[in-house]
Amino acid sequence: KKDSEAKERKEDRDAKEYKIDEEAKENKEDGVAKENKRGGEAKENNFCIKLSGLARKATQAEIFDFLSVGHVKQVGEIVITVNGKGKPSGDAFVKVGSNEDLKVALCLNDTAFGNRRVEVHQVDLAQLEKARKHIFCIKLSCLSRKVTENDISKFLSDGNVKQVA
């Protein structure tokens, strides 16, 4: 009985992979025709997705593996967002290499990532940029009264903080 259940799961997985491969092939053909009609590819890559529902412990490497196993060929920058306390929020933004990769990634919507189901949606580049530039605030306490703003700025810049407001 266990063998037959395992065989069914494998057949389901193989069928899904075949479906994704066929959709990617169709999307590639559609994408080539559209690009040729426009007179070439866009100069800047605007192929971005947002993954929601990730485990808070999900890493960039795990996200890369999830997309690669899902047949996304070119995975670019991965930005894991954080909440107000600086902890991962369960969302990530990913830049993919082409319209084909975007469509293949969107086919991964509502698939398993670890023990969770992940939502995959297309977003524009501005949302990825906003996530990348998330501003963090920190509270420094127990400072001497003699410490100045310049002292704090120097202290933070020594720790690779890029901008102090």
C-alpha atoms as a PDB file:
ATOM      1  CA  LYS A   1       0.000   0.000   0.000  1.00  0.00           C
ATOM      2  CA  LYS A   2       2.819   2.431   0.909  1.00  0.00           C
ATOM      3  CA  ASP A   3       4.563   1.657  -2.377  1.00  0.00           C
ATOM      4  CA  SER A   4       1.431   2.429  -4.393  1.00  0.00           C
ATOM      5  CA  GLU A   5       0.912   5.732  -2.498  1.00  0.00           C
ATOM      6  CA  ALA A   6       4.529   6.714  -3.106  1.00  0.00           C
ATOM      7  CA  LYS A   7       4.165   5.797  -6.779  1.00  0.00           C
ATOM      8  CA  GLU A   8       1.007   7.965  -7.042  1.00  0.00           C
ATOM      9  CA  ARG A   9       2.797  10.930  -5.428  1.00  0.00           C
ATOM     10  CA  LYS A  10       5.697  10.532  -7.858  1.00  0.00           C
ATOM     11  CA  GLU A  11       3.305  10.364 -10.821  1.00  0.00           C
ATOM     12  CA  ASP A  12       1.528  13.522  -9.573  1.00  0.00           C
ATOM     13  CA  ARG A  13       4.875  15.299  -9.209  1.00  0.00           C
ATOM     14  CA  ASP A  14       5.985  14.177 -12.680  1.00  0.00           C
ATOM     15  CA  ALA A  15       2.666  15.318 -14.188  1.00  0.00           C
ATOM     16  CA  LYS A  16       3.007  18.724 -12.528  1.00  0.00           C
ATOM     17  CA  GLU A  17       6.597  19.087 -13.757  1.00  0.00           C
ATOM     18  CA  TYR A  18       5.462  18.161 -17.277  1.00  0.00           C
ATOM     19  CA  LYS A  19       2.655  20.742 -17.054  1.00  0.00           C
ATOM     20  CA  ILE A  20       5.115  23.429 -15.921  1.00  0.00           C
ATOM     21  CA  ASP A  21       7.542  22.482 -18.739  1.00  0.00           C
ATOM     22  CA  GLU A  22       4.757  22.666 -21.343  1.00  0.00           C
ATOM     23  CA  GLU A  23       3.499  26.025 -19.988  1.00  0.00           C
ATOM     24  CA  ALA A  24       7.038  27.390 -20.003  1.00  0.00           C
ATOM     25  CA  LYS A  25       7.522  26.264 -23.616  1.00  0.00           C
ATOM     26  CA  GLU A  26       4.231  27.929 -24.672  1.00  0.00           C
ATOM     27  CA  ASN A  27       5.092  31.088 -22.742  1.00  0.00           C
ATOM     28  CA  LYS A  28       8.525  31.198 -24.329  1.00  0.00           C
ATOM     29  CA  GLU A  29       7.019  31.057 -27.802  1.00  0.00           C
ATOM     30  CA  ASP A  30       4.498  33.789 -26.872  1.00  0.00           C
ATOM     31  CA  GLY A  31       7.227  35.912 -25.316  1.00  0.00           C
ATOM     32  CA  VAL A  32       9.482  35.701 -28.384  1.00  0.00           C
ATOM     33  CA  ALA A  33       6.655  36.782 -30.680  1.00  0.00           C
ATOM     34  CA  LYS A  34       5.769  39.719 -28.426  1.00  0.00           C
ATOM     35  CA  GLU A  35       9.379  40.835 -28.069  1.00  0.00           C
ATOM     36  CA  ASN A  36       9.917  40.764 -31.832  1.00  0.00           C
ATOM     37  CA  LYS A  37       6.786  42.858 -32.410  1.00  0.00           C
ATOM     38  CA  ARG A  38       8.094  45.467 -29.976  1.00  0.00           C
ATOM     39  CA  GLY A  39      11.455  45.570 -31.692  1.00  0.00           C
ATOM     40  CA  GLY A  40      13.622  43.878 -29.090  1.00  0.00           C
ATOM     41  CA  GLU A  41      13.777  43.349 -25.352  1.00  0.00           C
ATOM     42  CA  ALA A  42      13.372  46.063 -22.760  1.00  0.00           C
ATOM     43  CA  LYS A  43      16.605  47.629 -21.571  1.00  0.00           C
ATOM     44  CA  GLU A  44      15.950  47.031 -17.886  1.00  0.00           C
ATOM     45  CA  ASN A  45      14.748  43.785 -16.340  1.00  0.00           C
ATOM     46  CA  ASN A  46      11.343  44.389 -14.767  1.00  0.00           C
ATOM     47  CA  PHE A  47      10.596  40.735 -14.109  1.00  0.00           C
ATOM     48  CA  CYS A  48       9.967  40.651 -10.365  1.00  0.00           C
ATOM     49  CA  ILE A  49       7.914  38.408  -8.101  1.00  0.00           C
ATOM     50  CA  LYS A  50       6.838  38.511  -4.491  1.00  0.00           C
ATOM     51  CA  LEU A  51       6.749  35.332  -2.416  1.00  0.00           C
ATOM     52  CA  SER A  52       4.351  35.476   0.543  1.00  0.00           C
ATOM     53  CA  GLY A  53       3.754  32.966   3.302  1.00  0.00           C
ATOM     54  CA  LEU A  54       7.387  31.931   3.689  1.00  0.00           C
ATOM     55  CA  ALA A  55       8.631  30.547   6.973  1.00  0.00           C
ATOM     56  CA  ARG A  56      10.368  33.329   8.886  1.00  0.00           C
ATOM     57  CA  LYS A  57      13.525  31.212   8.909  1.00  0.00           C
ATOM     58  CA  ALA A  58      13.606  30.902   5.097  1.00  0.00           C
ATOM     59  CA  THR A  59      16.988  31.849   3.649  1.00  0.00           C
ATOM     60  CA  GLN A  60      18.009  33.271   0.289  1.00  0.00           C
ATOM     61  CA  ALA A  61      19.585  29.912  -0.571  1.00  0.00           C
ATOM     62  CA  GLU A  62      16.330  28.062   0.170  1.00  0.00           C
ATOM     63  CA  ILE A  63      14.353  30.540  -1.950  1.00  0.00           C
ATOM     64  CA  PHE A  64      16.876  30.130  -4.773  1.00  0.00           C
ATOM     65  CA  ASP A  65      16.566  26.330  -4.543  1.00  0.00           C
ATOM     66  CA  PHE A  66      12.738  26.507  -4.503  1.00  0.00           C
ATOM     67  CA  LEU A  67      12.688  28.569  -7.694  1.00  0.00           C
ATOM     68  CA  SER A  68      15.436  26.542  -9.401  1.00  0.00           C
ATOM     69  CA  VAL A  69      13.713  23.229  -8.699  1.00  0.00           C
ATOM     70  CA  GLY A  70      10.560  24.872 -10.071  1.00  0.00           C
ATOM     71  CA  HIS A  71      12.422  25.387 -13.383  1.00  0.00           C
ATOM     72  CA  VAL A  72      13.121  29.111 -13.086  1.00  0.00           C
ATOM     73  CA  LYS A  73      16.386  29.348 -15.027  1.00  0.00           C
ATOM     74  CA  GLN A  74      17.695  32.783 -14.003  1.00  0.00           C
ATOM     75  CA  VAL A  75      17.156  33.841 -10.400  1.00  0.00           C
ATOM     76  CA  GLY A  76      18.584  37.272  -9.681  1.00  0.00           C
ATOM     77  CA  GLU A  77      18.484  39.405  -6.574  1.00  0.00           C
ATOM     78  CA  ILE A  78      16.529  38.047  -3.590  1.00  0.00           C
ATOM     79  CA  VAL A  79      15.341  40.534  -0.941  1.00  0.00           C
ATOM     80  CA  ILE A  80      13.820  39.085   2.240  1.00  0.00           C
ATOM     81  CA  THR A  81      11.692  41.742   3.931  1.00  0.00           C
ATOM     82  CA  VAL A  82      11.757  42.401   7.650  1.00  0.00           C
ATOM     83  CA  ASN A  83       9.182  43.700  10.093  1.00  0.00           C
ATOM     84  CA  GLY A  84       9.485  46.674  12.435  1.00  0.00           C
ATOM     85  CA  LYS A  85      11.601  44.637  14.849  1.00  0.00           C
ATOM     86  CA  GLY A  86      14.085  43.699  12.138  1.00  0.00           C
ATOM     87  CA  LYS A  87      12.932  40.076  11.948  1.00  0.00           C
ATOM     88  CA  PRO A  88      11.966  38.361   8.653  1.00  0.00           C
ATOM     89  CA  SER A  89       8.339  39.041   7.745  1.00  0.00           C
ATOM     90  CA  GLY A  90       7.651  35.912   5.691  1.00  0.00           C
ATOM     91  CA  ASP A  91       7.801  37.797   2.382  1.00  0.00           C
ATOM     92  CA  ALA A  92      10.542  38.042  -0.222  1.00  0.00           C
ATOM     93  CA  PHE A  93      11.014  39.848  -3.520  1.00  0.00           C
ATOM     94  CA  VAL A  94      12.921  38.159  -6.324  1.00  0.00           C
ATOM     95  CA  LYS A  95      14.171  39.427  -9.656  1.00  0.00           C
ATOM     96  CA  VAL A  96      14.053  36.779 -12.399  1.00  0.00           C
ATOM     97  CA  GLY A  97      15.868  36.846 -15.716  1.00  0.00           C
ATOM     98  CA  SER A  98      13.163  36.806 -18.369  1.00  0.00           C
ATOM     99  CA  ASN A  99       9.473  36.864 -19.169  1.00  0.00           C
ATOM    100  CA  GLU A 100       9.654  33.065 -19.484  1.00  0.00           C
ATOM    101  CA  ASP A 101      11.116  32.762 -15.971  1.00  0.00           C
ATOM    102  CA  LEU A 102       8.422  35.106 -14.674  1.00  0.00           C
ATOM    103  CA  LYS A 103       5.644  32.953 -16.098  1.00  0.00           C
ATOM    104  CA  VAL A 104       7.244  29.753 -14.804  1.00  0.00           C
ATOM    105  CA  ALA A 105       7.629  31.319 -11.344  1.00  0.00           C
ATOM    106  CA  LEU A 106       3.966  32.352 -11.341  1.00  0.00           C
ATOM    107  CA  CYS A 107       3.066  28.679 -11.947  1.00  0.00           C
ATOM    108  CA  LEU A 108       4.600  27.970  -8.521  1.00  0.00           C
ATOM    109  CA  ASN A 109       1.805  29.895  -6.785  1.00  0.00           C
ATOM    110  CA  ASP A 110       0.234  27.849  -3.961  1.00  0.00           C
ATOM    111  CA  THR A 111       2.950  25.182  -4.000  1.00  0.00           C
ATOM    112  CA  ALA A 112       4.745  23.707  -1.013  1.00  0.00           C
ATOM    113  CA  PHE A 113       7.823  25.437   0.363  1.00  0.00           C
ATOM    114  CA  GLY A 114       8.894  23.365   3.325  1.00  0.00           C
ATOM    115  CA  ASN A 115       5.748  22.779   5.365  1.00  0.00           C
ATOM    116  CA  ARG A 116       3.942  25.890   4.028  1.00  0.00           C
ATOM    117  CA  ARG A 117       2.079  26.897   0.880  1.00  0.00           C
ATOM    118  CA  VAL A 118       3.653  29.902  -0.803  1.00  0.00           C
ATOM    119  CA  GLU A 119       1.890  32.590  -2.791  1.00  0.00           C
ATOM    120  CA  VAL A 120       3.755  33.885  -5.847  1.00  0.00           C
ATOM    121  CA  HIS A 121       2.658  37.148  -7.481  1.00  0.00           C
ATOM    122  CA  GLN A 122       4.134  39.469 -10.070  1.00  0.00           C
ATOM    123  CA  VAL A 123       5.189  42.877  -8.761  1.00  0.00           C
ATOM    124  CA  ASP A 124       6.851  45.847 -10.360  1.00  0.00           C
ATOM    125  CA  LEU A 125      10.481  46.777  -9.904  1.00  0.00           C
ATOM    126  CA  ALA A 126       9.522  49.731  -7.677  1.00  0.00           C
ATOM    127  CA  GLN A 127       8.223  47.348  -4.991  1.00  0.00           C
ATOM    128  CA  LEU A 128      11.494  45.419  -4.998  1.00  0.00           C
ATOM    129  CA  GLU A 129      13.426  48.709  -4.766  1.00  0.00           C
ATOM    130  CA  LYS A 130      11.266  49.828  -1.843  1.00  0.00           C
ATOM    131  CA  ALA A 131      11.873  46.528  -0.024  1.00  0.00           C
ATOM    132  CA  ARG A 132      15.611  46.858  -0.624  1.00  0.00           C
ATOM    133  CA  LYS A 133      15.710  50.372   0.846  1.00  0.00           C
ATOM    134  CA  HIS A 134      13.753  49.543   4.001  1.00  0.00           C
ATOM    135  CA  ILE A 135      14.742  51.975   6.746  1.00  0.00           C
ATOM    136  CA  PHE A 136      15.693  50.649  10.152  1.00  0.00           C
ATOM    137  CA  CYS A 137      15.629  52.521  13.424  1.00  0.00           C
ATOM    138  CA  ILE A 138      17.680  51.597  16.429  1.00  0.00           C
ATOM    139  CA  LYS A 139      17.595  52.764  20.012  1.00  0.00           C
ATOM    140  CA  LEU A 140      20.848  53.400  21.809  1.00  0.00           C
ATOM    141  CA  SER A 141      20.649  53.474  25.575  1.00  0.00           C
ATOM    142  CA  CYS A 142      23.025  53.814  28.512  1.00  0.00           C
ATOM    143  CA  LEU A 143      25.102  56.382  26.657  1.00  0.00           C
ATOM    144  CA  SER A 144      27.312  58.858  28.436  1.00  0.00           C
ATOM    145  CA  ARG A 145      26.004  62.423  28.449  1.00  0.00           C
ATOM    146  CA  LYS A 146      29.195  63.436  26.662  1.00  0.00           C
ATOM    147  CA  VAL A 147      28.393  61.392  23.523  1.00  0.00           C
ATOM    148  CA  THR A 148      27.625  63.603  20.521  1.00  0.00           C
ATOM    149  CA  GLU A 149      25.770  62.935  17.251  1.00  0.00           C
ATOM    150  CA  ASN A 150      29.145  62.826  15.497  1.00  0.00           C
ATOM    151  CA  ASP A 151      30.360  60.154  17.937  1.00  0.00           C
ATOM    152  CA  ILE A 152      27.280  58.039  17.216  1.00  0.00           C
ATOM    153  CA  SER A 153      27.605  58.540  13.438  1.00  0.00           C
ATOM    154  CA  LYS A 154      31.267  57.503  13.555  1.00  0.00           C
ATOM    155  CA  PHE A 155      30.438  54.498  15.735  1.00  0.00           C
ATOM    156  CA  LEU A 156      27.721  53.319  13.349  1.00  0.00           C
ATOM    157  CA  SER A 157      29.733  53.958  10.189  1.00  0.00           C
ATOM    158  CA  ASP A 158      32.548  51.841  11.620  1.00  0.00           C
ATOM    159  CA  GLY A 159      29.983  49.009  11.732  1.00  0.00           C
ATOM    160  CA  ASN A 160      29.178  49.372   7.999  1.00  0.00           C
ATOM    161  CA  VAL A 161      25.983  51.387   8.485  1.00  0.00           C
ATOM    162  CA  LYS A 162      25.688  53.232   5.180  1.00  0.00           C
ATOM    163  CA  GLN A 163      23.475  56.147   6.123  1.00  0.00           C
ATOM    164  CA  VAL A 164      22.663  57.826   9.402  1.00  0.00           C
ATOM    165  CA  ALA A 165      19.724  60.240   9.406  1.00  0.00           C
END
